[in-house]
C-alpha atoms as a PDB file:
ATOM      1  CA  MET A   1     -11.603  34.553  65.671  1.00  0.00           C
ATOM      2  CA  ASN A   2     -14.178  31.789  65.303  1.00  0.00           C
ATOM      3  CA  ARG A   3     -13.096  28.192  64.792  1.00  0.00           C
ATOM      4  CA  THR A   4     -14.269  27.994  61.171  1.00  0.00           C
ATOM      5  CA  THR A   5     -12.135  31.007  60.350  1.00  0.00           C
ATOM      6  CA  ARG A   6      -9.175  29.458  62.194  1.00  0.00           C
ATOM      7  CA  LEU A   7      -9.468  26.229  60.174  1.00  0.00           C
ATOM      8  CA  PHE A   8      -9.561  28.150  56.896  1.00  0.00           C
ATOM      9  CA  THR A   9      -6.663  30.322  58.095  1.00  0.00           C
ATOM     10  CA  LEU A  10      -4.677  27.132  58.738  1.00  0.00           C
ATOM     11  CA  ILE A  11      -5.502  25.910  55.227  1.00  0.00           C
ATOM     12  CA  SER A  12      -4.556  29.304  53.746  1.00  0.00           C
ATOM     13  CA  ALA A  13      -1.292  29.363  55.700  1.00  0.00           C
ATOM     14  CA  THR A  14      -0.443  25.948  54.297  1.00  0.00           C
ATOM     15  CA  VAL A  15      -1.014  27.115  50.726  1.00  0.00           C
ATOM     16  CA  ALA A  16       1.074  30.265  51.320  1.00  0.00           C
ATOM     17  CA  VAL A  17       3.952  28.277  52.812  1.00  0.00           C
ATOM     18  CA  LEU A  18       3.869  25.823  49.914  1.00  0.00           C
ATOM     19  CA  LEU A  19       3.998  28.659  47.393  1.00  0.00           C
ATOM     20  CA  MET A  20       6.834  30.444  49.219  1.00  0.00           C
ATOM     21  CA  SER A  21       8.888  27.279  49.620  1.00  0.00           C
ATOM     22  CA  ALA A  22       8.536  26.496  45.925  1.00  0.00           C
ATOM     23  CA  CYS A  23      10.212  29.840  45.147  1.00  0.00           C
ATOM     24  CA  GLU A  24      13.163  29.416  47.530  1.00  0.00           C
ATOM     25  CA  PRO A  25      16.219  27.516  46.303  1.00  0.00           C
ATOM     26  CA  GLY A  26      18.022  25.173  48.678  1.00  0.00           C
ATOM     27  CA  GLY A  27      16.706  25.168  52.197  1.00  0.00           C
ATOM     28  CA  ASP A  28      17.399  26.331  55.679  1.00  0.00           C
ATOM     29  CA  SER A  29      19.607  23.828  57.518  1.00  0.00           C
ATOM     30  CA  GLU A  30      17.862  24.544  60.828  1.00  0.00           C
ATOM     31  CA  GLN A  31      14.509  23.838  59.164  1.00  0.00           C
ATOM     32  CA  ALA A  32      15.943  20.660  57.605  1.00  0.00           C
ATOM     33  CA  GLN A  33      17.191  19.472  61.006  1.00  0.00           C
ATOM     34  CA  LEU A  34      13.800  20.128  62.571  1.00  0.00           C
ATOM     35  CA  ALA A  35      12.091  18.267  59.732  1.00  0.00           C
ATOM     36  CA  ALA A  36      14.430  15.261  60.137  1.00  0.00           C
ATOM     37  CA  LYS A  37      13.814  15.171  63.908  1.00  0.00           C
ATOM     38  CA  ASN A  38      10.048  15.405  63.470  1.00  0.00           C
ATOM     39  CA  GLU A  39      10.057  12.737  60.766  1.00  0.00           C
ATOM     40  CA  GLN A  40      11.979  10.303  62.988  1.00  0.00           C
ATOM     41  CA  GLU A  41       9.743  10.987  65.994  1.00  0.00           C
ATOM     42  CA  GLY A  42       6.618  10.622  63.863  1.00  0.00           C
ATOM     43  CA  GLN A  43       7.744   7.329  62.344  1.00  0.00           C
ATOM     44  CA  SER A  44       8.631   5.936  65.782  1.00  0.00           C
ATOM     45  CA  PHE A  45       5.287   7.046  67.214  1.00  0.00           C
ATOM     46  CA  LEU A  46       3.306   5.521  64.323  1.00  0.00           C
ATOM     47  CA  ALA A  47       5.273   2.238  64.442  1.00  0.00           C
ATOM     48  CA  GLU A  48       4.468   1.826  68.158  1.00  0.00           C
ATOM     49  CA  ASN A  49       0.898   3.059  67.752  1.00  0.00           C
ATOM     50  CA  ALA A  50       0.213   0.469  65.022  1.00  0.00           C
ATOM     51  CA  LYS A  51       0.754  -2.285  67.618  1.00  0.00           C
ATOM     52  CA  LYS A  52      -2.050  -1.047  69.866  1.00  0.00           C
ATOM     53  CA  PRO A  53      -5.345  -2.970  69.925  1.00  0.00           C
ATOM     54  CA  GLY A  54      -8.005  -1.464  67.695  1.00  0.00           C
ATOM     55  CA  VAL A  55      -5.623   0.658  65.604  1.00  0.00           C
ATOM     56  CA  VAL A  56      -6.016   0.033  61.871  1.00  0.00           C
ATOM     57  CA  THR A  57      -3.433   1.125  59.291  1.00  0.00           C
ATOM     58  CA  THR A  58      -4.642   1.829  55.747  1.00  0.00           C
ATOM     59  CA  PRO A  59      -2.455   1.239  52.649  1.00  0.00           C
ATOM     60  CA  SER A  60      -1.620   4.973  52.569  1.00  0.00           C
ATOM     61  CA  GLY A  61      -0.245   4.854  56.129  1.00  0.00           C
ATOM     62  CA  LEU A  62      -3.178   6.577  57.822  1.00  0.00           C
ATOM     63  CA  GLN A  63      -3.940   4.988  61.177  1.00  0.00           C
ATOM     64  CA  TYR A  64      -7.350   5.175  62.778  1.00  0.00           C
ATOM     65  CA  GLN A  65      -9.181   3.832  65.786  1.00  0.00           C
ATOM     66  CA  VAL A  66     -12.951   3.671  66.095  1.00  0.00           C
ATOM     67  CA  LEU A  67     -14.121   5.214  69.356  1.00  0.00           C
ATOM     68  CA  LYS A  68     -17.809   5.204  68.408  1.00  0.00           C
ATOM     69  CA  GLU A  69     -19.487   3.869  65.287  1.00  0.00           C
ATOM     70  CA  GLY A  70     -21.958   6.102  63.499  1.00  0.00           C
ATOM     71  CA  THR A  71     -25.199   5.179  61.802  1.00  0.00           C
ATOM     72  CA  GLY A  72     -25.711   7.949  59.259  1.00  0.00           C
ATOM     73  CA  ALA A  73     -24.332   8.715  55.817  1.00  0.00           C
ATOM     74  CA  SER A  74     -20.662   8.424  54.836  1.00  0.00           C
ATOM     75  CA  PRO A  75     -19.128  11.369  52.955  1.00  0.00           C
ATOM     76  CA  THR A  76     -17.319  11.290  49.640  1.00  0.00           C
ATOM     77  CA  ALA A  77     -14.352  13.537  48.904  1.00  0.00           C
ATOM     78  CA  ASP A  78     -16.711  15.925  47.075  1.00  0.00           C
ATOM     79  CA  ASP A  79     -19.030  16.402  50.065  1.00  0.00           C
ATOM     80  CA  THR A  80     -19.035  19.113  52.689  1.00  0.00           C
ATOM     81  CA  VAL A  81     -18.877  17.854  56.268  1.00  0.00           C
ATOM     82  CA  MET A  82     -19.458  19.252  59.743  1.00  0.00           C
ATOM     83  CA  VAL A  83     -17.148  17.974  62.460  1.00  0.00           C
ATOM     84  CA  ASN A  84     -16.028  18.423  66.030  1.00  0.00           C
ATOM     85  CA  TYR A  85     -12.311  17.807  66.466  1.00  0.00           C
ATOM     86  CA  ARG A  86      -9.206  18.204  68.601  1.00  0.00           C
ATOM     87  CA  GLY A  87      -5.745  18.114  67.064  1.00  0.00           C
ATOM     88  CA  THR A  88      -2.589  17.262  68.985  1.00  0.00           C
ATOM     89  CA  PHE A  89       0.976  16.312  68.257  1.00  0.00           C
ATOM     90  CA  PRO A  90       2.022  12.749  69.199  1.00  0.00           C
ATOM     91  CA  SER A  91       3.346  14.209  72.470  1.00  0.00           C
ATOM     92  CA  GLY A  92      -0.243  15.122  73.389  1.00  0.00           C
ATOM     93  CA  GLU A  93       0.371  18.863  72.996  1.00  0.00           C
ATOM     94  CA  PRO A  94      -2.775  20.420  71.468  1.00  0.00           C
ATOM     95  CA  PHE A  95      -2.522  22.723  68.458  1.00  0.00           C
ATOM     96  CA  ASP A  96      -6.125  23.135  67.275  1.00  0.00           C
ATOM     97  CA  ASP A  97      -9.747  22.271  68.005  1.00  0.00           C
ATOM     98  CA  GLY A  98     -13.135  23.089  66.643  1.00  0.00           C
ATOM     99  CA  GLU A  99     -16.810  22.484  67.201  1.00  0.00           C
ATOM    100  CA  ASN A 100     -19.448  22.289  64.441  1.00  0.00           C
ATOM    101  CA  ILE A 101     -16.873  23.237  61.790  1.00  0.00           C
ATOM    102  CA  SER A 102     -18.016  22.831  58.161  1.00  0.00           C
ATOM    103  CA  PHE A 103     -15.709  22.528  55.158  1.00  0.00           C
ATOM    104  CA  PRO A 104     -15.454  20.797  51.777  1.00  0.00           C
ATOM    105  CA  LEU A 105     -13.763  17.459  52.443  1.00  0.00           C
ATOM    106  CA  ASN A 106     -11.491  17.806  49.414  1.00  0.00           C
ATOM    107  CA  SER A 107     -10.017  21.055  50.806  1.00  0.00           C
ATOM    108  CA  VAL A 108      -8.230  19.625  53.851  1.00  0.00           C
ATOM    109  CA  ILE A 109      -5.177  17.456  54.446  1.00  0.00           C
ATOM    110  CA  ALA A 110      -5.167  14.040  52.767  1.00  0.00           C
ATOM    111  CA  GLY A 111      -5.351  12.198  56.106  1.00  0.00           C
ATOM    112  CA  TRP A 112      -8.652  13.900  56.911  1.00  0.00           C
ATOM    113  CA  THR A 113     -10.059  13.374  53.422  1.00  0.00           C
ATOM    114  CA  GLU A 114      -9.268   9.663  53.602  1.00  0.00           C
ATOM    115  CA  GLY A 115     -10.242   9.150  57.236  1.00  0.00           C
ATOM    116  CA  LEU A 116     -13.570  10.952  57.172  1.00  0.00           C
ATOM    117  CA  GLN A 117     -14.697   8.834  54.215  1.00  0.00           C
ATOM    118  CA  LEU A 118     -14.355   5.773  56.487  1.00  0.00           C
ATOM    119  CA  MET A 119     -16.845   7.254  58.954  1.00  0.00           C
ATOM    120  CA  LYS A 120     -20.621   7.529  59.150  1.00  0.00           C
ATOM    121  CA  GLU A 121     -22.498  10.464  60.671  1.00  0.00           C
ATOM    122  CA  GLY A 122     -22.363  10.245  64.452  1.00  0.00           C
ATOM    123  CA  ALA A 123     -19.047   8.355  64.453  1.00  0.00           C
ATOM    124  CA  ARG A 124     -16.020   9.375  66.490  1.00  0.00           C
ATOM    125  CA  TYR A 125     -12.552   8.227  65.407  1.00  0.00           C
ATOM    126  CA  MET A 126      -8.961   8.885  66.320  1.00  0.00           C
ATOM    127  CA  PHE A 127      -6.758   9.634  63.307  1.00  0.00           C
ATOM    128  CA  TYR A 128      -2.997   9.150  63.537  1.00  0.00           C
ATOM    129  CA  ILE A 129      -1.673  10.922  60.478  1.00  0.00           C
ATOM    130  CA  PRO A 130       1.852  10.576  59.064  1.00  0.00           C
ATOM    131  CA  SER A 131       3.412  13.825  57.876  1.00  0.00           C
ATOM    132  CA  ASP A 132       3.040  12.969  54.179  1.00  0.00           C
ATOM    133  CA  LEU A 133      -0.751  12.839  54.671  1.00  0.00           C
ATOM    134  CA  ALA A 134      -0.683  16.033  56.761  1.00  0.00           C
ATOM    135  CA  TYR A 135       1.420  19.140  56.067  1.00  0.00           C
ATOM    136  CA  GLY A 136       4.552  17.352  54.826  1.00  0.00           C
ATOM    137  CA  ASP A 137       7.915  19.034  54.332  1.00  0.00           C
ATOM    138  CA  VAL A 138       6.738  22.583  54.989  1.00  0.00           C
ATOM    139  CA  GLY A 139       4.332  22.311  57.912  1.00  0.00           C
ATOM    140  CA  ALA A 140       1.608  24.904  58.384  1.00  0.00           C
ATOM    141  CA  GLY A 141       2.985  28.302  59.279  1.00  0.00           C
ATOM    142  CA  ASN A 142       3.908  28.620  62.949  1.00  0.00           C
ATOM    143  CA  ILE A 143       1.280  26.085  63.994  1.00  0.00           C
ATOM    144  CA  VAL A 144       2.507  22.744  62.604  1.00  0.00           C
ATOM    145  CA  PRO A 145       6.249  22.217  62.074  1.00  0.00           C
ATOM    146  CA  PRO A 146       7.638  20.432  58.991  1.00  0.00           C
ATOM    147  CA  LYS A 147       7.333  16.625  58.811  1.00  0.00           C
ATOM    148  CA  ALA A 148       5.114  16.485  61.914  1.00  0.00           C
ATOM    149  CA  ALA A 149       2.836  13.508  62.474  1.00  0.00           C
ATOM    150  CA  LEU A 150      -0.555  14.587  63.825  1.00  0.00           C
ATOM    151  CA  VAL A 151      -3.264  13.062  66.021  1.00  0.00           C
ATOM    152  CA  PHE A 152      -6.923  14.038  65.716  1.00  0.00           C
ATOM    153  CA  ASP A 153      -9.978  13.074  67.723  1.00  0.00           C
ATOM    154  CA  VAL A 154     -12.761  13.623  65.148  1.00  0.00           C
ATOM    155  CA  GLU A 155     -16.538  13.343  65.400  1.00  0.00           C
ATOM    156  CA  LEU A 156     -18.445  13.432  62.105  1.00  0.00           C
ATOM    157  CA  VAL A 157     -21.553  15.452  62.938  1.00  0.00           C
ATOM    158  CA  THR A 158     -23.183  15.553  59.503  1.00  0.00           C
ATOM    159  CA  VAL A 159     -22.569  15.234  55.774  1.00  0.00           C
ATOM    160  CA  ASN A 160     -23.559  18.168  53.536  1.00  0.00           C
ATOM    161  CA  PRO A 161     -24.761  20.470  56.330  1.00  0.00           C
ATOM    162  CA  GLU A 162     -26.798  23.543  55.560  1.00  0.00           C
ATOM    163  CA  VAL A 163     -24.443  26.537  55.293  1.00  0.00           C
ATOM    164  CA  THR A 164     -26.102  29.846  56.020  1.00  0.00           C
ATOM    165  CA  PRO A 165     -25.183  33.066  54.215  1.00  0.00           C
ATOM    166  CA  ASP A 166     -23.812  34.328  57.558  1.00  0.00           C
ATOM    167  CA  ASP A 167     -21.443  31.327  57.765  1.00  0.00           C
ATOM    168  CA  GLU A 168     -20.193  31.974  54.242  1.00  0.00           C
ATOM    169  CA  ALA A 169     -19.655  35.673  54.995  1.00  0.00           C
ATOM    170  CA  THR A 170     -17.629  34.795  58.097  1.00  0.00           C
ATOM    171  CA  ILE A 171     -15.359  32.563  56.051  1.00  0.00           C
ATOM    172  CA  GLU A 172     -14.933  34.953  53.117  1.00  0.00           C
ATOM    173  CA  GLU A 173     -14.565  38.160  55.107  1.00  0.00           C
ATOM    174  CA  ALA A 174     -12.129  36.938  57.744  1.00  0.00           C
ATOM    175  CA  PRO A 175      -9.081  39.215  57.923  1.00  0.00           C
ATOM    176  CA  PRO A 176      -5.644  37.586  57.822  1.00  0.00           C
ATOM    177  CA  GLU A 177      -4.318  36.526  61.205  1.00  0.00           C
ATOM    178  CA  GLU A 178      -1.714  38.846  62.680  1.00  0.00           C
ATOM    179  CA  GLU A 179       1.650  37.302  63.535  1.00  0.00           C
END
């Protein structure tokens, strides 16, 4: 599976989990315990991380660190962007990465939408994203657990990249991931 398909599968899994959780009354106590543990660990990580030199915290709680300034255009939430990225948990354990991945900026987690708008083409930032700006109470399928804080190393390659018909077909025709 190519990385663009994997990113859209992650987004689709998030939507499916949100819809399923909205239909289920109550909640699984094991899931609730995991969420509480992740929330505590995420808050502790972000509190310590905020003290590091160069880390900026926005009013929403997003933290970012500039690794390299860019010189090109900055995206708006309505733009499509192309990025290179690596996603990890605060422990450093990787869960996703991608190279030259294009997507509408308003179709991803709030932490990415906010953070990428701070960047210019060619920039590379670290994003430290609290769970409420990531996948929140439900997580993202079996990839991101509930209430998990996330860390991303993101390079903004370009704003409004050319998308070829082949790229669109890959995204639209991707079969669902087998579990």
